[in-house]
Amino acid sequence: MTDLRSHAVEIAEQFSDHLDVSADEVEERLESLVSEYRVPVDEARRSVVNSYLDEAGIERDELGGGGAGGNEQTLLNDIDEDEQWVDVRAKVVELWEPRSEAIAQVGLLGDESGRMKFVSFTTSELPELEEGVSYALGNVVTDEYQGNFSVKLNRTTSIAELDEEIEVGDDSTTVEGALVDMQSGSGLIKRCPKEDCTRVLQNGRCSEHGNVEGEFDLRIKAVVDDGTEVHEVIFNREMTEAQTGIELDEAKQMAMDALDTTIVEEEMRGDLVGFYYRVTGPTLGRYVLANEVERLSEPADAEELLIKARSM
């Protein structure tokens, strides 16, 4: 008997006096969580048990449960582990257009500690969240990529609209200093086009999906020295275009004419390095994401600033 089958049999027996549930049904739900959502077996078991507790009308507190999904009630900014099952109380700050038919909804959640991306999958068949509305969300799964955390809603997630409005905290930071360098991976890049995957391709290969036909994008990975410490700042396409005056179509044409994508990075380097900036945005991992950028002065001695930054 497989590990999942053993768990399924035990769970079916546990609820035999309360629900008409078979071991096959339980195993199917466990298999979905483990295979589709990459959830550890123990967490998958807990999630399925919690969902049957809801169906049976059994109070979870009597069994040591916590929040809306029987997990620990967690602030968004306290999420620092991958593949954990948590409950959150948050407001839908913003909804984005999904890039894939597999994604039902994607956007930003916010609570008093800050903001975090969320994803809801089509296969989960969950009610749609409304922008500006606050919810208690039980059984969401944390996800991490390159130090950036998000939460995923799944078919076991419970959704309850709150009468109160969650106040969203400001988790942004402001960095002011000289832009002394641009890191590798700046300029014209290609991203993986797969479902909700924005990984940057290396030699035409995504670290998760292998060889793919990438989609062009612009970004800058800048190093900003404030005189005390060095900060790594990421400019997205919008901010990159605004600060360099080079739009995506122009960048692609430049690379095509030169038969070399690095020409775009070199052009941008000349436009940016050595100038002083004030950058404001949230901190994700070791990066500051530039939501607002202001150029403060004429360029300084870029080589001198770079030597100083690298010596720290």
Protein backbone atom coordinates (compact mmCIF):
# COMPACT_ATOMS: atom_id res chain seq x y z
CA MET A 1 0.00 0.00 0.00
CA THR A 2 1.41 3.39 -0.99
CA ASP A 3 1.97 6.18 1.51
CA LEU A 4 -0.88 8.27 0.07
CA ARG A 5 -3.22 5.28 0.08
CA SER A 6 -2.44 4.61 3.75
CA HIS A 7 -3.26 8.19 4.66
CA ALA A 8 -6.44 8.05 2.57
CA VAL A 9 -7.67 4.91 4.32
CA GLU A 10 -6.99 6.41 7.76
CA ILE A 11 -8.78 9.66 6.92
CA ALA A 12 -11.78 7.85 5.43
CA GLU A 13 -12.09 5.75 8.58
CA GLN A 14 -11.73 8.83 10.79
CA PHE A 15 -14.77 10.46 9.17
CA SER A 16 -16.83 7.32 8.52
CA ASP A 17 -19.32 8.24 11.28
CA HIS A 18 -19.77 11.79 9.98
CA LEU A 19 -19.48 11.74 6.17
CA ASP A 20 -20.03 9.45 3.22
CA VAL A 21 -16.45 9.56 2.01
CA SER A 22 -14.39 6.79 0.40
CA ALA A 23 -10.68 6.12 0.54
CA ASP A 24 -10.55 6.56 -3.26
CA GLU A 25 -11.98 10.07 -2.99
CA VAL A 26 -9.56 11.01 -0.23
CA GLU A 27 -6.62 9.60 -2.16
CA GLU A 28 -7.61 11.62 -5.21
CA ARG A 29 -7.60 14.85 -3.19
CA LEU A 30 -4.25 14.01 -1.61
CA GLU A 31 -2.77 13.15 -5.00
CA SER A 32 -3.93 16.48 -6.43
CA LEU A 33 -2.28 18.48 -3.65
CA VAL A 34 0.97 16.52 -3.74
CA SER A 35 1.35 16.28 -7.53
CA GLU A 36 -0.30 19.45 -8.79
CA TYR A 37 0.64 21.87 -6.01
CA ARG A 38 3.85 20.19 -4.80
CA VAL A 39 2.55 20.13 -1.23
CA PRO A 40 4.40 17.91 1.28
CA VAL A 41 2.42 14.80 2.21
CA ASP A 42 1.96 15.80 5.87
CA GLU A 43 0.66 19.23 4.87
CA ALA A 44 -1.63 17.69 2.26
CA ARG A 45 -3.06 15.34 4.86
CA ARG A 46 -3.72 18.20 7.26
CA SER A 47 -5.42 20.23 4.53
CA VAL A 48 -7.73 17.36 3.53
CA VAL A 49 -8.59 16.62 7.16
CA ASN A 50 -9.42 20.31 7.70
CA SER A 51 -11.72 20.35 4.68
CA TYR A 52 -13.61 17.30 5.96
CA LEU A 53 -13.88 18.90 9.39
CA ASP A 54 -15.64 21.81 7.68
CA GLU A 55 -17.98 19.48 5.80
CA ALA A 56 -18.78 17.54 8.97
CA GLY A 57 -19.39 20.69 10.98
CA ILE A 58 -16.80 19.77 13.58
CA GLU A 59 -15.28 22.71 15.44
CA ARG A 60 -11.61 22.80 14.63
CA ASP A 61 -10.70 24.61 17.85
CA GLU A 62 -11.58 21.46 19.77
CA LEU A 63 -8.80 19.72 17.86
CA GLY A 64 -6.20 22.44 18.37
CA GLY A 65 -6.96 24.38 15.18
CA GLY A 66 -6.13 28.01 14.62
CA GLY A 67 -7.49 30.32 11.94
CA ALA A 68 -10.04 29.97 9.15
CA GLY A 69 -8.30 26.90 7.74
CA GLY A 70 -7.09 25.37 10.98
CA ASN A 71 -3.58 26.71 10.46
CA GLU A 72 -1.61 29.47 12.13
CA GLN A 73 -3.00 32.97 11.52
CA THR A 74 -0.12 34.73 9.77
CA LEU A 75 0.73 38.28 8.73
CA LEU A 76 1.89 38.54 5.13
CA ASN A 77 5.21 40.10 6.06
CA ASP A 78 5.90 37.22 8.48
CA ILE A 79 5.82 34.62 5.69
CA ASP A 80 9.40 33.43 5.27
CA GLU A 81 9.13 29.72 4.42
CA ASP A 82 8.17 27.89 1.24
CA GLU A 83 5.31 25.38 1.02
CA GLN A 84 3.69 26.24 4.35
CA TRP A 85 -0.07 26.16 4.95
CA VAL A 86 -1.29 29.33 6.63
CA ASP A 87 -4.43 31.41 7.19
CA VAL A 88 -4.41 35.12 6.38
CA ARG A 89 -6.78 38.04 6.79
CA ALA A 90 -6.15 40.47 3.95
CA LYS A 91 -7.60 42.99 1.55
CA VAL A 92 -7.44 42.54 -2.22
CA VAL A 93 -5.39 45.60 -3.12
CA GLU A 94 -5.13 45.04 -6.86
CA LEU A 95 -6.08 42.46 -9.48
CA TRP A 96 -3.97 41.84 -12.59
CA GLU A 97 -4.80 40.29 -15.93
CA PRO A 98 -3.84 36.57 -15.81
CA ARG A 99 -1.19 35.56 -18.35
CA SER A 100 -2.46 32.00 -18.63
CA GLU A 101 -5.80 30.21 -18.91
CA ALA A 102 -4.67 28.06 -15.97
CA ILE A 103 -4.73 31.15 -13.71
CA ALA A 104 -8.17 32.27 -12.52
CA GLN A 105 -6.97 35.33 -10.62
CA VAL A 106 -3.67 36.99 -9.78
CA GLY A 107 -2.96 40.18 -7.89
CA LEU A 108 -1.89 41.74 -4.61
CA LEU A 109 -3.16 41.05 -1.10
CA GLY A 110 -2.45 43.49 1.72
CA ASP A 111 -2.65 43.53 5.50
CA GLU A 112 -1.21 45.71 8.26
CA SER A 113 2.27 44.28 7.66
CA GLY A 114 2.49 44.89 3.90
CA ARG A 115 1.58 43.42 0.53
CA MET A 116 2.10 40.11 -1.23
CA LYS A 117 1.24 38.53 -4.57
CA PHE A 118 -1.47 35.85 -4.70
CA VAL A 119 -2.49 33.36 -7.37
CA SER A 120 -5.72 31.38 -7.71
CA PHE A 121 -5.81 28.51 -10.20
CA THR A 122 -8.70 27.74 -12.56
CA THR A 123 -8.75 24.10 -11.48
CA SER A 124 -9.43 25.16 -7.88
CA GLU A 125 -12.91 26.42 -8.86
CA LEU A 126 -12.94 29.06 -6.12
CA PRO A 127 -15.25 32.08 -5.89
CA GLU A 128 -13.64 35.17 -7.40
CA LEU A 129 -12.17 37.74 -5.04
CA GLU A 130 -13.18 41.37 -5.50
CA GLU A 131 -10.75 44.25 -5.56
CA GLY A 132 -11.02 46.41 -2.44
CA VAL A 133 -12.76 43.72 -0.37
CA SER A 134 -11.24 42.14 2.76
CA TYR A 135 -11.30 38.37 3.32
CA ALA A 136 -10.35 35.64 5.75
CA LEU A 137 -8.48 33.10 3.63
CA GLY A 138 -7.85 29.66 5.10
CA ASN A 139 -5.50 27.01 3.77
CA VAL A 140 -3.35 29.08 1.44
CA VAL A 141 0.06 27.75 0.46
CA THR A 142 3.20 29.87 0.59
CA ASP A 143 5.53 29.91 -2.41
CA GLU A 144 9.05 31.28 -2.81
CA TYR A 145 11.14 32.18 -5.84
CA GLN A 146 14.53 33.90 -5.53
CA GLY A 147 13.65 35.23 -2.08
CA ASN A 148 10.25 36.58 -3.16
CA PHE A 149 7.24 35.07 -1.40
CA SER A 150 3.66 34.74 -2.60
CA VAL A 151 0.59 32.73 -1.61
CA LYS A 152 -1.41 30.30 -3.71
CA LEU A 153 -5.12 29.65 -3.29
CA ASN A 154 -6.11 26.04 -3.94
CA ARG A 155 -9.23 23.90 -3.97
CA THR A 156 -9.11 23.49 -0.18
CA THR A 157 -8.86 27.24 0.47
CA SER A 158 -11.77 28.69 2.44
CA ILE A 159 -12.90 32.21 1.57
CA ALA A 160 -14.99 34.36 3.93
CA GLU A 161 -15.71 38.02 3.28
CA LEU A 162 -15.06 40.21 6.32
CA ASP A 163 -17.37 42.92 7.61
CA GLU A 164 -14.34 44.97 8.58
CA GLU A 165 -11.87 46.53 6.16
CA ILE A 166 -8.27 45.45 6.60
CA GLU A 167 -5.92 48.42 6.77
CA VAL A 168 -3.00 47.85 4.42
CA GLY A 169 0.39 48.82 5.81
CA ASP A 170 3.11 50.55 3.83
CA ASP A 171 6.08 48.23 3.45
CA SER A 172 7.97 50.44 1.02
CA THR A 173 11.47 51.78 1.58
CA THR A 174 13.34 54.73 0.07
CA VAL A 175 16.94 54.53 -1.13
CA GLU A 176 18.84 57.68 -2.12
CA GLY A 177 22.30 57.53 -3.62
CA ALA A 178 24.48 57.11 -6.68
CA LEU A 179 23.75 54.40 -9.22
CA VAL A 180 27.25 52.92 -9.43
CA ASP A 181 26.77 49.77 -11.47
CA MET A 182 24.36 47.58 -13.44
CA GLN A 183 24.41 43.85 -12.78
CA SER A 184 24.35 41.04 -15.31
CA GLY A 185 20.80 40.34 -16.48
CA SER A 186 20.02 43.99 -17.17
CA GLY A 187 18.80 45.44 -20.45
CA LEU A 188 16.94 43.32 -23.01
CA ILE A 189 16.08 39.95 -21.50
CA LYS A 190 13.81 37.00 -22.23
CA ARG A 191 11.37 35.52 -19.74
CA CYS A 192 9.73 32.10 -19.61
CA PRO A 193 6.22 32.23 -21.17
CA LYS A 194 4.84 29.31 -19.15
CA GLU A 195 1.98 29.53 -16.63
CA ASP A 196 2.67 32.38 -14.23
CA CYS A 197 6.42 31.85 -14.63
CA THR A 198 8.46 35.02 -15.03
CA ARG A 199 11.89 33.45 -14.69
CA VAL A 200 14.59 35.03 -16.83
CA LEU A 201 16.02 32.60 -19.38
CA GLN A 202 19.68 31.67 -19.36
CA ASN A 203 20.87 30.67 -22.84
CA GLY A 204 17.26 30.07 -23.87
CA ARG A 205 16.55 27.81 -20.90
CA CYS A 206 14.20 28.25 -17.95
CA SER A 207 15.45 26.72 -14.71
CA GLU A 208 12.05 25.06 -14.20
CA HIS A 209 10.60 24.47 -17.70
CA GLY A 210 13.75 23.80 -19.73
CA ASN A 211 14.20 25.08 -23.29
CA VAL A 212 11.40 27.48 -24.22
CA GLU A 213 10.70 30.27 -26.70
CA GLY A 214 11.05 33.26 -24.40
CA GLU A 215 9.21 36.57 -24.37
CA PHE A 216 11.25 39.79 -24.52
CA ASP A 217 11.23 42.19 -21.58
CA LEU A 218 13.28 45.08 -20.20
CA ARG A 219 14.72 45.44 -16.73
CA ILE A 220 17.61 47.00 -14.86
CA LYS A 221 19.36 45.40 -11.90
CA ALA A 222 21.04 48.46 -10.43
CA VAL A 223 23.51 48.93 -7.60
CA VAL A 224 22.83 52.11 -5.62
CA ASP A 225 25.36 53.39 -3.06
CA ASP A 226 23.88 55.70 -0.40
CA GLY A 227 27.29 56.42 1.16
CA THR A 228 26.77 53.91 3.96
CA GLU A 229 25.69 50.71 2.26
CA VAL A 230 24.99 49.34 -1.18
CA HIS A 231 21.45 48.48 -2.28
CA GLU A 232 20.33 46.24 -5.13
CA VAL A 233 17.42 47.81 -6.99
CA ILE A 234 15.29 46.34 -9.78
CA PHE A 235 13.62 48.57 -12.38
CA ASN A 236 10.78 46.82 -14.23
CA ARG A 237 10.00 47.49 -17.88
CA GLU A 238 7.94 50.60 -17.17
CA MET A 239 10.60 52.17 -14.97
CA THR A 240 13.40 51.13 -17.35
CA GLU A 241 11.66 52.77 -20.30
CA ALA A 242 10.94 55.91 -18.28
CA GLN A 243 14.54 56.34 -17.09
CA THR A 244 16.35 55.43 -20.32
CA GLY A 245 13.88 56.55 -22.98
CA ILE A 246 14.39 53.18 -24.69
CA GLU A 247 11.14 51.29 -25.27
CA LEU A 248 10.90 47.53 -25.77
CA ASP A 249 10.37 47.62 -29.55
CA GLU A 250 13.32 49.98 -29.97
CA ALA A 251 15.50 47.74 -27.80
CA LYS A 252 14.61 44.69 -29.89
CA GLN A 253 15.47 46.58 -33.08
CA MET A 254 18.80 47.72 -31.62
CA ALA A 255 19.69 44.12 -30.75
CA MET A 256 18.59 42.88 -34.18
CA ASP A 257 20.67 45.49 -36.01
CA ALA A 258 23.75 44.72 -33.92
CA LEU A 259 23.11 40.96 -33.74
CA ASP A 260 23.87 41.33 -30.04
CA THR A 261 21.47 41.94 -27.13
CA THR A 262 24.23 43.33 -24.89
CA ILE A 263 24.23 46.56 -26.89
CA VAL A 264 21.00 47.51 -25.12
CA GLU A 265 22.57 47.08 -21.68
CA GLU A 266 25.59 49.14 -22.70
CA GLU A 267 23.36 51.94 -24.03
CA MET A 268 21.39 51.99 -20.78
CA ARG A 269 24.56 51.92 -18.71
CA GLY A 270 25.68 55.16 -20.32
CA ASP A 271 22.31 56.75 -19.53
CA LEU A 272 22.18 55.73 -15.86
CA VAL A 273 25.50 54.98 -14.17
CA GLY A 274 26.96 57.88 -12.23
CA PHE A 275 23.69 59.71 -11.61
CA TYR A 276 22.10 60.15 -8.19
CA TYR A 277 18.59 58.77 -7.66
CA ARG A 278 15.86 58.56 -5.08
CA VAL A 279 14.11 55.18 -5.39
CA THR A 280 11.01 54.11 -3.46
CA GLY A 281 9.39 50.67 -3.45
CA PRO A 282 8.85 47.44 -1.51
CA THR A 283 11.74 45.22 -0.46
CA LEU A 284 11.53 41.63 -1.66
CA GLY A 285 14.41 39.46 -0.55
CA ARG A 286 17.57 41.49 -1.06
CA TYR A 287 16.05 43.70 -3.76
CA VAL A 288 14.23 47.01 -3.66
CA LEU A 289 11.57 47.08 -6.40
CA ALA A 290 11.49 50.55 -7.94
CA ASN A 291 7.92 51.85 -7.94
CA GLU A 292 8.99 55.50 -7.95
CA VAL A 293 12.27 56.83 -9.35
CA GLU A 294 13.59 60.39 -9.32
CA ARG A 295 16.90 61.51 -10.80
CA LEU A 296 18.47 64.02 -8.40
CA SER A 297 21.58 65.48 -10.02
CA GLU A 298 24.13 65.58 -12.79
CA PRO A 299 26.43 62.54 -13.04
CA ALA A 300 29.28 62.07 -10.60
CA ASP A 301 32.56 60.26 -11.24
CA ALA A 302 31.13 56.80 -11.99
CA GLU A 303 34.49 54.98 -11.75
CA GLU A 304 35.28 56.50 -8.36
CA LEU A 305 31.81 55.63 -7.05
CA LEU A 306 32.09 52.06 -8.34
CA ILE A 307 35.46 51.53 -6.66
CA LYS A 308 33.97 52.80 -3.40
CA ALA A 309 30.93 50.52 -3.66
CA ARG A 310 33.00 47.41 -4.39
CA SER A 311 35.34 48.11 -1.49
CA MET A 312 32.50 48.02 1.07
